[in-house]
């Protein structure tokens, strides 16, 4: 099994009163390392169902099919509210475009950063 050079980091911040979550993902999102898979599953449990989810991908150094799958799961949990994705640059942005993520999420500009608010510092 190939191990990622840079392990993934997933941080979830929830708004205290609203059904809004901010997810920041950093590193290589290949999820080949069992520790990364467990981390991703644990962080997913923090996302409230039917709430708006903002995802900051500006720190992702590699995002392939594992990232697409993870974002699709976040979109499913957010429904009927929206999943907003920010900062998908370079090859990561191309992968999301090719996977047609725009059909299940709002893909903001590749240079646009996530919103700044109490839940999205």
PDB file of N, CA and C in Angstrom:
ATOM      1  N   UNK A   1       0.836  -1.177   0.000  1.00  0.00           N
ATOM      2  CA  UNK A   1       0.000   0.000   0.000  1.00  0.00           C
ATOM      3  C   UNK A   1       0.886   1.247   0.000  1.00  0.00           C
ATOM      4  N   UNK A   2       0.541   2.198  -0.828  1.00  0.00           N
ATOM      5  CA  UNK A   2       1.283   3.448  -0.902  1.00  0.00           C
ATOM      6  C   UNK A   2       0.778   4.371   0.200  1.00  0.00           C
ATOM      7  N   UNK A   3       1.692   4.957   0.913  1.00  0.00           N
ATOM      8  CA  UNK A   3       1.315   5.904   1.960  1.00  0.00           C
ATOM      9  C   UNK A   3       1.471   7.319   1.417  1.00  0.00           C
ATOM     10  N   UNK A   4       0.581   8.214   1.837  1.00  0.00           N
ATOM     11  CA  UNK A   4       0.660   9.593   1.369  1.00  0.00           C
ATOM     12  C   UNK A   4       1.858  10.284   2.004  1.00  0.00           C
ATOM     13  N   UNK A   5       2.499  11.153   1.216  1.00  0.00           N
ATOM     14  CA  UNK A   5       3.643  11.900   1.717  1.00  0.00           C
ATOM     15  C   UNK A   5       3.192  12.910   2.765  1.00  0.00           C
ATOM     16  N   UNK A   6       2.050  13.529   2.533  1.00  0.00           N
ATOM     17  CA  UNK A   6       1.498  14.497   3.475  1.00  0.00           C
ATOM     18  C   UNK A   6       0.130  14.001   3.905  1.00  0.00           C
ATOM     19  N   UNK A   7       0.007  13.659   5.163  1.00  0.00           N
ATOM     20  CA  UNK A   7      -1.280  13.161   5.653  1.00  0.00           C
ATOM     21  C   UNK A   7      -2.329  14.251   5.574  1.00  0.00           C
ATOM     22  N   UNK A   8      -3.554  13.812   5.476  1.00  0.00           N
ATOM     23  CA  UNK A   8      -4.673  14.722   5.364  1.00  0.00           C
ATOM     24  C   UNK A   8      -5.018  15.308   6.731  1.00  0.00           C
ATOM     25  N   UNK A   9      -5.496  16.542   6.716  1.00  0.00           N
ATOM     26  CA  UNK A   9      -5.982  17.217   7.914  1.00  0.00           C
ATOM     27  C   UNK A   9      -7.379  17.732   7.595  1.00  0.00           C
ATOM     28  N   UNK A  10      -8.347  17.395   8.440  1.00  0.00           N
ATOM     29  CA  UNK A  10      -9.721  17.846   8.246  1.00  0.00           C
ATOM     30  C   UNK A  10     -10.176  18.502   9.531  1.00  0.00           C
ATOM     31  N   UNK A  11     -10.548  19.775   9.448  1.00  0.00           N
ATOM     32  CA  UNK A  11     -11.013  20.524  10.600  1.00  0.00           C
ATOM     33  C   UNK A  11     -12.462  20.930  10.365  1.00  0.00           C
ATOM     34  N   UNK A  12     -13.330  20.700  11.340  1.00  0.00           N
ATOM     35  CA  UNK A  12     -14.739  21.066  11.237  1.00  0.00           C
ATOM     36  C   UNK A  12     -15.056  22.085  12.319  1.00  0.00           C
ATOM     37  N   UNK A  13     -15.663  23.214  11.916  1.00  0.00           N
ATOM     38  CA  UNK A  13     -16.116  24.242  12.846  1.00  0.00           C
ATOM     39  C   UNK A  13     -17.613  24.419  12.637  1.00  0.00           C
ATOM     40  N   UNK A  14     -18.381  24.388  13.719  1.00  0.00           N
ATOM     41  CA  UNK A  14     -19.827  24.534  13.618  1.00  0.00           C
ATOM     42  C   UNK A  14     -20.270  25.866  14.175  1.00  0.00           C
ATOM     43  N   UNK A  15     -21.267  26.466  13.521  1.00  0.00           N
ATOM     44  CA  UNK A  15     -21.864  27.696  14.046  1.00  0.00           C
ATOM     45  C   UNK A  15     -22.624  27.341  15.312  1.00  0.00           C
ATOM     46  N   UNK A  16     -22.550  28.205  16.329  1.00  0.00           N
ATOM     47  CA  UNK A  16     -23.192  27.868  17.603  1.00  0.00           C
ATOM     48  C   UNK A  16     -24.720  27.795  17.524  1.00  0.00           C
ATOM     49  N   UNK A  17     -25.356  28.573  16.662  1.00  0.00           N
ATOM     50  CA  UNK A  17     -26.819  28.589  16.638  1.00  0.00           C
ATOM     51  C   UNK A  17     -27.401  28.143  15.302  1.00  0.00           C
ATOM     52  N   UNK A  18     -26.667  28.284  14.229  1.00  0.00           N
ATOM     53  CA  UNK A  18     -27.199  27.946  12.910  1.00  0.00           C
ATOM     54  C   UNK A  18     -26.721  26.569  12.480  1.00  0.00           C
ATOM     55  N   UNK A  19     -27.390  26.020  11.490  1.00  0.00           N
ATOM     56  CA  UNK A  19     -26.983  24.737  10.929  1.00  0.00           C
ATOM     57  C   UNK A  19     -25.984  25.002   9.813  1.00  0.00           C
ATOM     58  N   UNK A  20     -24.822  25.501  10.212  1.00  0.00           N
ATOM     59  CA  UNK A  20     -23.764  25.839   9.261  1.00  0.00           C
ATOM     60  C   UNK A  20     -22.461  25.221   9.752  1.00  0.00           C
ATOM     61  N   UNK A  21     -21.729  24.608   8.827  1.00  0.00           N
ATOM     62  CA  UNK A  21     -20.439  24.012   9.173  1.00  0.00           C
ATOM     63  C   UNK A  21     -19.385  24.517   8.203  1.00  0.00           C
ATOM     64  N   UNK A  22     -18.181  24.705   8.720  1.00  0.00           N
ATOM     65  CA  UNK A  22     -17.022  25.068   7.904  1.00  0.00           C
ATOM     66  C   UNK A  22     -16.056  23.904   7.995  1.00  0.00           C
ATOM     67  N   UNK A  23     -15.661  23.371   6.841  1.00  0.00           N
ATOM     68  CA  UNK A  23     -14.727  22.250   6.788  1.00  0.00           C
ATOM     69  C   UNK A  23     -13.480  22.727   6.056  1.00  0.00           C
ATOM     70  N   UNK A  24     -12.331  22.591   6.694  1.00  0.00           N
ATOM     71  CA  UNK A  24     -11.058  22.939   6.054  1.00  0.00           C
ATOM     72  C   UNK A  24     -10.270  21.646   5.870  1.00  0.00           C
ATOM     73  N   UNK A  25      -9.896  21.388   4.611  1.00  0.00           N
ATOM     74  CA  UNK A  25      -9.161  20.169   4.292  1.00  0.00           C
ATOM     75  C   UNK A  25      -7.783  20.568   3.796  1.00  0.00           C
ATOM     76  N   UNK A  26      -6.755  19.914   4.321  1.00  0.00           N
ATOM     77  CA  UNK A  26      -5.372  20.214   3.924  1.00  0.00           C
ATOM     78  C   UNK A  26      -4.626  18.919   3.649  1.00  0.00           C
ATOM     79  N   UNK A  27      -3.600  19.003   2.814  1.00  0.00           N
ATOM     80  CA  UNK A  27      -2.734  17.866   2.550  1.00  0.00           C
ATOM     81  C   UNK A  27      -3.176  17.056   1.350  1.00  0.00           C
ATOM     82  N   UNK A  28      -2.653  15.836   1.266  1.00  0.00           N
ATOM     83  CA  UNK A  28      -2.980  14.911   0.186  1.00  0.00           C
ATOM     84  C   UNK A  28      -4.227  14.130   0.569  1.00  0.00           C
ATOM     85  N   UNK A  29      -5.278  14.269  -0.211  1.00  0.00           N
ATOM     86  CA  UNK A  29      -6.535  13.585   0.095  1.00  0.00           C
ATOM     87  C   UNK A  29      -6.625  12.341  -0.793  1.00  0.00           C
ATOM     88  N   UNK A  30      -5.780  11.360  -0.488  1.00  0.00           N
ATOM     89  CA  UNK A  30      -5.859  10.091  -1.206  1.00  0.00           C
ATOM     90  C   UNK A  30      -6.477   9.012  -0.329  1.00  0.00           C
ATOM     91  N   UNK A  31      -6.516   9.261   0.969  1.00  0.00           N
ATOM     92  CA  UNK A  31      -7.153   8.379   1.953  1.00  0.00           C
ATOM     93  C   UNK A  31      -6.730   6.919   1.809  1.00  0.00           C
ATOM     94  N   UNK A  32      -5.428   6.714   1.571  1.00  0.00           N
ATOM     95  CA  UNK A  32      -4.899   5.352   1.527  1.00  0.00           C
ATOM     96  C   UNK A  32      -4.463   4.878   2.904  1.00  0.00           C
ATOM     97  N   UNK A  33      -4.110   5.807   3.749  1.00  0.00           N
ATOM     98  CA  UNK A  33      -3.672   5.473   5.098  1.00  0.00           C
ATOM     99  C   UNK A  33      -4.909   5.240   5.969  1.00  0.00           C
ATOM    100  N   UNK A  34      -5.019   4.102   6.642  1.00  0.00           N
ATOM    101  CA  UNK A  34      -6.198   3.827   7.478  1.00  0.00           C
ATOM    102  C   UNK A  34      -6.462   4.918   8.527  1.00  0.00           C
ATOM    103  N   UNK A  35      -5.402   5.560   9.021  1.00  0.00           N
ATOM    104  CA  UNK A  35      -5.596   6.642   9.997  1.00  0.00           C
ATOM    105  C   UNK A  35      -6.330   7.813   9.350  1.00  0.00           C
ATOM    106  N   UNK A  36      -6.021   8.097   8.065  1.00  0.00           N
ATOM    107  CA  UNK A  36      -6.697   9.175   7.354  1.00  0.00           C
ATOM    108  C   UNK A  36      -8.166   8.837   7.112  1.00  0.00           C
ATOM    109  N   UNK A  37      -8.442   7.582   6.773  1.00  0.00           N
ATOM    110  CA  UNK A  37      -9.821   7.145   6.550  1.00  0.00           C
ATOM    111  C   UNK A  37     -10.627   7.290   7.837  1.00  0.00           C
ATOM    112  N   UNK A  38     -10.055   6.863   8.959  1.00  0.00           N
ATOM    113  CA  UNK A  38     -10.745   6.994  10.244  1.00  0.00           C
ATOM    114  C   UNK A  38     -10.978   8.459  10.599  1.00  0.00           C
ATOM    115  N   UNK A  39      -9.994   9.314  10.356  1.00  0.00           N
ATOM    116  CA  UNK A  39     -10.144  10.747  10.618  1.00  0.00           C
ATOM    117  C   UNK A  39     -11.285  11.315   9.781  1.00  0.00           C
ATOM    118  N   UNK A  40     -11.311  10.980   8.496  1.00  0.00           N
ATOM    119  CA  UNK A  40     -12.351  11.490   7.602  1.00  0.00           C
ATOM    120  C   UNK A  40     -13.732  11.062   8.081  1.00  0.00           C
ATOM    121  N   UNK A  41     -13.871   9.819   8.497  1.00  0.00           N
ATOM    122  CA  UNK A  41     -15.164   9.322   8.995  1.00  0.00           C
ATOM    123  C   UNK A  41     -15.577  10.024  10.285  1.00  0.00           C
ATOM    124  N   UNK A  42     -14.630  10.216  11.181  1.00  0.00           N
ATOM    125  CA  UNK A  42     -14.954  10.894  12.449  1.00  0.00           C
ATOM    126  C   UNK A  42     -15.382  12.334  12.206  1.00  0.00           C
ATOM    127  N   UNK A  43     -14.686  13.037  11.309  1.00  0.00           N
ATOM    128  CA  UNK A  43     -15.032  14.432  11.024  1.00  0.00           C
ATOM    129  C   UNK A  43     -16.382  14.535  10.330  1.00  0.00           C
ATOM    130  N   UNK A  44     -16.708  13.566   9.503  1.00  0.00           N
ATOM    131  CA  UNK A  44     -17.998  13.555   8.806  1.00  0.00           C
ATOM    132  C   UNK A  44     -19.147  13.492   9.808  1.00  0.00           C
ATOM    133  N   UNK A  45     -18.934  12.808  10.918  1.00  0.00           N
ATOM    134  CA  UNK A  45     -19.968  12.683  11.938  1.00  0.00           C
ATOM    135  C   UNK A  45     -20.313  14.024  12.584  1.00  0.00           C
ATOM    136  N   UNK A  46     -19.418  15.010  12.516  1.00  0.00           N
ATOM    137  CA  UNK A  46     -19.676  16.332  13.092  1.00  0.00           C
ATOM    138  C   UNK A  46     -20.611  17.182  12.240  1.00  0.00           C
ATOM    139  N   UNK A  47     -20.773  16.829  10.963  1.00  0.00           N
ATOM    140  CA  UNK A  47     -21.558  17.651  10.046  1.00  0.00           C
ATOM    141  C   UNK A  47     -23.042  17.417  10.307  1.00  0.00           C
ATOM    142  N   UNK A  48     -23.777  18.492  10.633  1.00  0.00           N
ATOM    143  CA  UNK A  48     -25.210  18.309  10.899  1.00  0.00           C
ATOM    144  C   UNK A  48     -25.958  18.004   9.607  1.00  0.00           C
ATOM    145  N   UNK A  49     -26.905  17.059   9.636  1.00  0.00           N
ATOM    146  CA  UNK A  49     -27.698  16.800   8.439  1.00  0.00           C
ATOM    147  C   UNK A  49     -28.543  18.022   8.080  1.00  0.00           C
ATOM    148  N   UNK A  50     -28.775  18.219   6.804  1.00  0.00           N
ATOM    149  CA  UNK A  50     -29.615  19.302   6.289  1.00  0.00           C
ATOM    150  C   UNK A  50     -29.122  20.674   6.736  1.00  0.00           C
ATOM    151  N   UNK A  51     -27.823  20.863   6.736  1.00  0.00           N
ATOM    152  CA  UNK A  51     -27.253  22.160   7.064  1.00  0.00           C
ATOM    153  C   UNK A  51     -26.292  22.605   5.981  1.00  0.00           C
ATOM    154  N   UNK A  52     -26.076  23.896   5.878  1.00  0.00           N
ATOM    155  CA  UNK A  52     -25.158  24.433   4.884  1.00  0.00           C
ATOM    156  C   UNK A  52     -23.722  24.093   5.272  1.00  0.00           C
ATOM    157  N   UNK A  53     -22.953  23.636   4.293  1.00  0.00           N
ATOM    158  CA  UNK A  53     -21.563  23.258   4.538  1.00  0.00           C
ATOM    159  C   UNK A  53     -20.665  24.052   3.591  1.00  0.00           C
ATOM    160  N   UNK A  54     -19.663  24.737   4.163  1.00  0.00           N
ATOM    161  CA  UNK A  54     -18.641  25.447   3.391  1.00  0.00           C
ATOM    162  C   UNK A  54     -17.357  24.632   3.503  1.00  0.00           C
ATOM    163  N   UNK A  55     -16.717  24.352   2.353  1.00  0.00           N
ATOM    164  CA  UNK A  55     -15.492  23.551   2.350  1.00  0.00           C
ATOM    165  C   UNK A  55     -14.365  24.371   1.741  1.00  0.00           C
ATOM    166  N   UNK A  56     -13.296  24.536   2.495  1.00  0.00           N
ATOM    167  CA  UNK A  56     -12.105  25.250   2.036  1.00  0.00           C
ATOM    168  C   UNK A  56     -11.054  24.228   1.608  1.00  0.00           C
ATOM    169  N   UNK A  57     -10.754  24.209   0.307  1.00  0.00           N
ATOM    170  CA  UNK A  57      -9.765  23.272  -0.230  1.00  0.00           C
ATOM    171  C   UNK A  57      -8.436  23.944  -0.550  1.00  0.00           C
ATOM    172  N   UNK A  58      -8.248  25.185  -0.114  1.00  0.00           N
ATOM    173  CA  UNK A  58      -7.035  25.919  -0.486  1.00  0.00           C
ATOM    174  C   UNK A  58      -5.759  25.257   0.018  1.00  0.00           C
ATOM    175  N   UNK A  59      -5.851  24.404   1.030  1.00  0.00           N
ATOM    176  CA  UNK A  59      -4.676  23.718   1.554  1.00  0.00           C
ATOM    177  C   UNK A  59      -4.476  22.313   1.001  1.00  0.00           C
ATOM    178  N   UNK A  60      -5.295  21.910   0.032  1.00  0.00           N
ATOM    179  CA  UNK A  60      -5.173  20.564  -0.544  1.00  0.00           C
ATOM    180  C   UNK A  60      -4.025  20.544  -1.542  1.00  0.00           C
ATOM    181  N   UNK A  61      -3.090  19.628  -1.347  1.00  0.00           N
ATOM    182  CA  UNK A  61      -1.953  19.494  -2.262  1.00  0.00           C
ATOM    183  C   UNK A  61      -2.207  18.437  -3.321  1.00  0.00           C
ATOM    184  N   UNK A  62      -3.101  17.488  -3.039  1.00  0.00           N
ATOM    185  CA  UNK A  62      -3.525  16.497  -4.015  1.00  0.00           C
ATOM    186  C   UNK A  62      -4.941  16.093  -3.671  1.00  0.00           C
ATOM    187  N   UNK A  63      -5.820  16.108  -4.655  1.00  0.00           N
ATOM    188  CA  UNK A  63      -7.202  15.685  -4.443  1.00  0.00           C
ATOM    189  C   UNK A  63      -7.687  14.900  -5.637  1.00  0.00           C
ATOM    190  N   UNK A  64      -7.886  13.625  -5.454  1.00  0.00           N
ATOM    191  CA  UNK A  64      -8.355  12.771  -6.535  1.00  0.00           C
ATOM    192  C   UNK A  64      -9.726  12.208  -6.222  1.00  0.00           C
ATOM    193  N   UNK A  65      -9.914  10.936  -6.549  1.00  0.00           N
ATOM    194  CA  UNK A  65     -11.225  10.316  -6.395  1.00  0.00           C
ATOM    195  C   UNK A  65     -11.680  10.256  -4.936  1.00  0.00           C
ATOM    196  N   UNK A  66     -10.756  10.118  -3.999  1.00  0.00           N
ATOM    197  CA  UNK A  66     -11.141  10.090  -2.583  1.00  0.00           C
ATOM    198  C   UNK A  66     -11.753  11.425  -2.175  1.00  0.00           C
ATOM    199  N   UNK A  67     -11.200  12.524  -2.673  1.00  0.00           N
ATOM    200  CA  UNK A  67     -11.752  13.852  -2.371  1.00  0.00           C
ATOM    201  C   UNK A  67     -13.136  13.990  -2.998  1.00  0.00           C
ATOM    202  N   UNK A  68     -13.287  13.559  -4.241  1.00  0.00           N
ATOM    203  CA  UNK A  68     -14.585  13.628  -4.914  1.00  0.00           C
ATOM    204  C   UNK A  68     -15.622  12.845  -4.112  1.00  0.00           C
ATOM    205  N   UNK A  69     -15.274  11.655  -3.686  1.00  0.00           N
ATOM    206  CA  UNK A  69     -16.191  10.827  -2.900  1.00  0.00           C
ATOM    207  C   UNK A  69     -16.553  11.512  -1.583  1.00  0.00           C
ATOM    208  N   UNK A  70     -15.559  12.086  -0.904  1.00  0.00           N
ATOM    209  CA  UNK A  70     -15.800  12.753   0.373  1.00  0.00           C
ATOM    210  C   UNK A  70     -16.709  13.965   0.193  1.00  0.00           C
ATOM    211  N   UNK A  71     -16.476  14.756  -0.853  1.00  0.00           N
ATOM    212  CA  UNK A  71     -17.326  15.922  -1.116  1.00  0.00           C
ATOM    213  C   UNK A  71     -18.751  15.489  -1.465  1.00  0.00           C
ATOM    214  N   UNK A  72     -18.888  14.409  -2.214  1.00  0.00           N
ATOM    215  CA  UNK A  72     -20.224  13.905  -2.543  1.00  0.00           C
ATOM    216  C   UNK A  72     -20.967  13.496  -1.276  1.00  0.00           C
ATOM    217  N   UNK A  73     -20.269  12.899  -0.318  1.00  0.00           N
ATOM    218  CA  UNK A  73     -20.887  12.520   0.948  1.00  0.00           C
ATOM    219  C   UNK A  73     -21.272  13.760   1.761  1.00  0.00           C
ATOM    220  N   UNK A  74     -20.414  14.788   1.740  1.00  0.00           N
ATOM    221  CA  UNK A  74     -20.758  16.044   2.416  1.00  0.00           C
ATOM    222  C   UNK A  74     -21.997  16.666   1.776  1.00  0.00           C
ATOM    223  N   UNK A  75     -22.081  16.644   0.450  1.00  0.00           N
ATOM    224  CA  UNK A  75     -23.246  17.198  -0.258  1.00  0.00           C
ATOM    225  C   UNK A  75     -24.514  16.435   0.126  1.00  0.00           C
ATOM    226  N   UNK A  76     -24.406  15.113   0.238  1.00  0.00           N
ATOM    227  CA  UNK A  76     -25.555  14.298   0.618  1.00  0.00           C
ATOM    228  C   UNK A  76     -26.038  14.661   2.024  1.00  0.00           C
ATOM    229  N   UNK A  77     -25.099  14.859   2.946  1.00  0.00           N
ATOM    230  CA  UNK A  77     -25.473  15.223   4.319  1.00  0.00           C
ATOM    231  C   UNK A  77     -26.077  16.618   4.375  1.00  0.00           C
ATOM    232  N   UNK A  78     -25.622  17.516   3.523  1.00  0.00           N
ATOM    233  CA  UNK A  78     -26.098  18.902   3.540  1.00  0.00           C
ATOM    234  C   UNK A  78     -27.516  19.040   2.977  1.00  0.00           C
ATOM    235  N   UNK A  79     -27.920  18.147   2.094  1.00  0.00           N
ATOM    236  CA  UNK A  79     -29.218  18.289   1.412  1.00  0.00           C
ATOM    237  C   UNK A  79     -30.369  18.439   2.392  1.00  0.00           C
ATOM    238  N   UNK A  80     -31.329  19.315   2.150  1.00  0.00           N
ATOM    239  CA  UNK A  80     -31.521  20.110   0.942  1.00  0.00           C
ATOM    240  C   UNK A  80     -30.758  21.432   0.944  1.00  0.00           C
ATOM    241  N   UNK A  81     -29.982  21.693   1.995  1.00  0.00           N
ATOM    242  CA  UNK A  81     -29.141  22.895   2.001  1.00  0.00           C
ATOM    243  C   UNK A  81     -27.974  22.680   1.032  1.00  0.00           C
ATOM    244  N   UNK A  82     -27.135  23.685   0.892  1.00  0.00           N
ATOM    245  CA  UNK A  82     -26.084  23.638  -0.126  1.00  0.00           C
ATOM    246  C   UNK A  82     -24.711  23.296   0.444  1.00  0.00           C
ATOM    247  N   UNK A  83     -23.893  22.702  -0.423  1.00  0.00           N
ATOM    248  CA  UNK A  83     -22.472  22.494  -0.167  1.00  0.00           C
ATOM    249  C   UNK A  83     -21.732  23.527  -1.012  1.00  0.00           C
ATOM    250  N   UNK A  84     -20.915  24.349  -0.374  1.00  0.00           N
ATOM    251  CA  UNK A  84     -20.128  25.374  -1.066  1.00  0.00           C
ATOM    252  C   UNK A  84     -18.659  24.972  -0.997  1.00  0.00           C
ATOM    253  N   UNK A  85     -17.995  24.920  -2.141  1.00  0.00           N
ATOM    254  CA  UNK A  85     -16.591  24.511  -2.215  1.00  0.00           C
ATOM    255  C   UNK A  85     -15.753  25.682  -2.711  1.00  0.00           C
ATOM    256  N   UNK A  86     -14.686  25.981  -1.976  1.00  0.00           N
ATOM    257  CA  UNK A  86     -13.806  27.113  -2.277  1.00  0.00           C
ATOM    258  C   UNK A  86     -12.362  26.635  -2.438  1.00  0.00           C
ATOM    259  N   UNK A  87     -11.596  27.365  -3.248  1.00  0.00           N
ATOM    260  CA  UNK A  87     -10.147  27.194  -3.289  1.00  0.00           C
ATOM    261  C   UNK A  87      -9.624  25.941  -3.950  1.00  0.00           C
ATOM    262  N   UNK A  88     -10.410  25.284  -4.806  1.00  0.00           N
ATOM    263  CA  UNK A  88      -9.914  24.091  -5.517  1.00  0.00           C
ATOM    264  C   UNK A  88      -9.024  24.558  -6.659  1.00  0.00           C
ATOM    265  N   UNK A  89      -7.718  24.465  -6.474  1.00  0.00           N
ATOM    266  CA  UNK A  89      -6.762  25.005  -7.448  1.00  0.00           C
ATOM    267  C   UNK A  89      -6.102  23.898  -8.255  1.00  0.00           C
ATOM    268  N   UNK A  90      -5.586  24.283  -9.412  1.00  0.00           N
ATOM    269  CA  UNK A  90      -4.776  23.381 -10.227  1.00  0.00           C
ATOM    270  C   UNK A  90      -5.490  22.091 -10.558  1.00  0.00           C
ATOM    271  N   UNK A  91      -4.762  21.002 -10.409  1.00  0.00           N
ATOM    272  CA  UNK A  91      -5.289  19.690 -10.766  1.00  0.00           C
ATOM    273  C   UNK A  91      -6.510  19.319  -9.921  1.00  0.00           C
ATOM    274  N   UNK A  92      -6.542  19.765  -8.668  1.00  0.00           N
ATOM    275  CA  UNK A  92      -7.702  19.467  -7.817  1.00  0.00           C
ATOM    276  C   UNK A  92      -8.963  20.067  -8.413  1.00  0.00           C
ATOM    277  N   UNK A  93      -8.898  21.316  -8.862  1.00  0.00           N
ATOM    278  CA  UNK A  93     -10.046  21.949  -9.503  1.00  0.00           C
ATOM    279  C   UNK A  93     -10.451  21.233 -10.776  1.00  0.00           C
ATOM    280  N   UNK A  94      -9.467  20.795 -11.552  1.00  0.00           N
ATOM    281  CA  UNK A  94      -9.747  20.065 -12.789  1.00  0.00           C
ATOM    282  C   UNK A  94     -10.447  18.744 -12.494  1.00  0.00           C
ATOM    283  N   UNK A  95      -9.976  18.032 -11.465  1.00  0.00           N
ATOM    284  CA  UNK A  95     -10.601  16.760 -11.074  1.00  0.00           C
ATOM    285  C   UNK A  95     -12.061  16.992 -10.677  1.00  0.00           C
ATOM    286  N   UNK A  96     -12.334  18.041  -9.906  1.00  0.00           N
ATOM    287  CA  UNK A  96     -13.713  18.322  -9.493  1.00  0.00           C
ATOM    288  C   UNK A  96     -14.576  18.667 -10.699  1.00  0.00           C
ATOM    289  N   UNK A  97     -14.021  19.422 -11.637  1.00  0.00           N
ATOM    290  CA  UNK A  97     -14.761  19.745 -12.864  1.00  0.00           C
ATOM    291  C   UNK A  97     -15.064  18.483 -13.666  1.00  0.00           C
ATOM    292  N   UNK A  98     -14.070  17.630 -13.828  1.00  0.00           N
ATOM    293  CA  UNK A  98     -14.250  16.397 -14.601  1.00  0.00           C
ATOM    294  C   UNK A  98     -15.246  15.450 -13.934  1.00  0.00           C
ATOM    295  N   UNK A  99     -15.298  15.480 -12.605  1.00  0.00           N
ATOM    296  CA  UNK A  99     -16.234  14.626 -11.867  1.00  0.00           C
ATOM    297  C   UNK A  99     -17.631  15.252 -11.805  1.00  0.00           C
ATOM    298  N   UNK A 100     -17.782  16.421 -12.407  1.00  0.00           N
ATOM    299  CA  UNK A 100     -19.063  17.132 -12.456  1.00  0.00           C
ATOM    300  C   UNK A 100     -19.606  17.443 -11.061  1.00  0.00           C
ATOM    301  N   UNK A 101     -18.691  17.842 -10.168  1.00  0.00           N
ATOM    302  CA  UNK A 101     -19.094  18.188  -8.802  1.00  0.00           C
ATOM    303  C   UNK A 101     -20.019  19.392  -8.773  1.00  0.00           C
ATOM    304  N   UNK A 102     -19.979  20.209  -9.823  1.00  0.00           N
ATOM    305  CA  UNK A 102     -20.868  21.362  -9.897  1.00  0.00           C
ATOM    306  C   UNK A 102     -22.341  20.983  -9.923  1.00  0.00           C
ATOM    307  N   UNK A 103     -22.634  19.706 -10.167  1.00  0.00           N
ATOM    308  CA  UNK A 103     -24.021  19.246 -10.165  1.00  0.00           C
ATOM    309  C   UNK A 103     -24.551  18.991  -8.752  1.00  0.00           C
ATOM    310  N   UNK A 104     -23.658  18.816  -7.784  1.00  0.00           N
ATOM    311  CA  UNK A 104     -24.093  18.551  -6.406  1.00  0.00           C
ATOM    312  C   UNK A 104     -23.588  19.590  -5.414  1.00  0.00           C
ATOM    313  N   UNK A 105     -22.758  20.520  -5.894  1.00  0.00           N
ATOM    314  CA  UNK A 105     -22.187  21.539  -5.007  1.00  0.00           C
ATOM    315  C   UNK A 105     -22.051  22.856  -5.759  1.00  0.00           C
ATOM    316  N   UNK A 106     -21.960  23.935  -5.004  1.00  0.00           N
ATOM    317  CA  UNK A 106     -21.677  25.240  -5.581  1.00  0.00           C
ATOM    318  C   UNK A 106     -20.160  25.393  -5.574  1.00  0.00           C
ATOM    319  N   UNK A 107     -19.546  25.366  -6.755  1.00  0.00           N
ATOM    320  CA  UNK A 107     -18.094  25.500  -6.867  1.00  0.00           C
ATOM    321  C   UNK A 107     -17.765  26.967  -7.072  1.00  0.00           C
ATOM    322  N   UNK A 108     -17.160  27.562  -6.067  1.00  0.00           N
ATOM    323  CA  UNK A 108     -16.776  28.969  -6.149  1.00  0.00           C
ATOM    324  C   UNK A 108     -15.442  29.070  -6.866  1.00  0.00           C
ATOM    325  N   UNK A 109     -15.082  30.255  -7.311  1.00  0.00           N
ATOM    326  CA  UNK A 109     -13.843  30.447  -8.056  1.00  0.00           C
ATOM    327  C   UNK A 109     -12.647  29.803  -7.400  1.00  0.00           C
ATOM    328  N   UNK A 110     -11.726  29.370  -8.233  1.00  0.00           N
ATOM    329  CA  UNK A 110     -10.536  28.664  -7.725  1.00  0.00           C
ATOM    330  C   UNK A 110      -9.662  29.555  -6.855  1.00  0.00           C
ATOM    331  N   UNK A 111      -9.745  30.864  -7.043  1.00  0.00           N
ATOM    332  CA  UNK A 111      -8.958  31.767  -6.205  1.00  0.00           C
ATOM    333  C   UNK A 111      -9.802  32.385  -5.104  1.00  0.00           C
ATOM    334  N   UNK A 112     -11.102  32.116  -5.119  1.00  0.00           N
ATOM    335  CA  UNK A 112     -11.995  32.664  -4.099  1.00  0.00           C
ATOM    336  C   UNK A 112     -11.797  31.888  -2.804  1.00  0.00           C
ATOM    337  N   UNK A 113     -11.682  32.618  -1.712  1.00  0.00           N
ATOM    338  CA  UNK A 113     -11.496  31.947  -0.420  1.00  0.00           C
ATOM    339  C   UNK A 113     -12.834  31.790   0.280  1.00  0.00           C
ATOM    340  N   UNK A 114     -12.844  30.915   1.262  1.00  0.00           N
ATOM    341  CA  UNK A 114     -14.061  30.653   2.033  1.00  0.00           C
ATOM    342  C   UNK A 114     -14.479  31.916   2.760  1.00  0.00           C
ATOM    343  N   UNK A 115     -15.763  32.044   3.064  1.00  0.00           N
ATOM    344  CA  UNK A 115     -16.263  33.262   3.728  1.00  0.00           C
ATOM    345  C   UNK A 115     -15.654  33.422   5.121  1.00  0.00           C
ATOM    346  N   UNK A 116     -15.527  34.672   5.523  1.00  0.00           N
ATOM    347  CA  UNK A 116     -15.058  34.977   6.882  1.00  0.00           C
ATOM    348  C   UNK A 116     -16.262  35.366   7.719  1.00  0.00           C
ATOM    349  N   UNK A 117     -16.528  34.586   8.734  1.00  0.00           N
ATOM    350  CA  UNK A 117     -17.645  34.832   9.635  1.00  0.00           C
ATOM    351  C   UNK A 117     -17.300  34.162  10.961  1.00  0.00           C
ATOM    352  N   UNK A 118     -18.165  34.288  11.966  1.00  0.00           N
ATOM    353  CA  UNK A 118     -17.869  33.617  13.233  1.00  0.00           C
ATOM    354  C   UNK A 118     -17.661  32.116  13.072  1.00  0.00           C
ATOM    355  N   UNK A 119     -18.368  31.474  12.125  1.00  0.00           N
ATOM    356  CA  UNK A 119     -18.182  30.048  11.942  1.00  0.00           C
ATOM    357  C   UNK A 119     -17.050  29.761  10.963  1.00  0.00           C
ATOM    358  N   UNK A 120     -16.668  30.736  10.173  1.00  0.00           N
ATOM    359  CA  UNK A 120     -15.637  30.554   9.157  1.00  0.00           C
ATOM    360  C   UNK A 120     -14.519  31.565   9.395  1.00  0.00           C
ATOM    361  N   UNK A 121     -13.743  31.407  10.479  1.00  0.00           N
ATOM    362  CA  UNK A 121     -12.730  32.417  10.810  1.00  0.00           C
ATOM    363  C   UNK A 121     -11.566  32.408   9.820  1.00  0.00           C
TER     364      UNK A 121
END
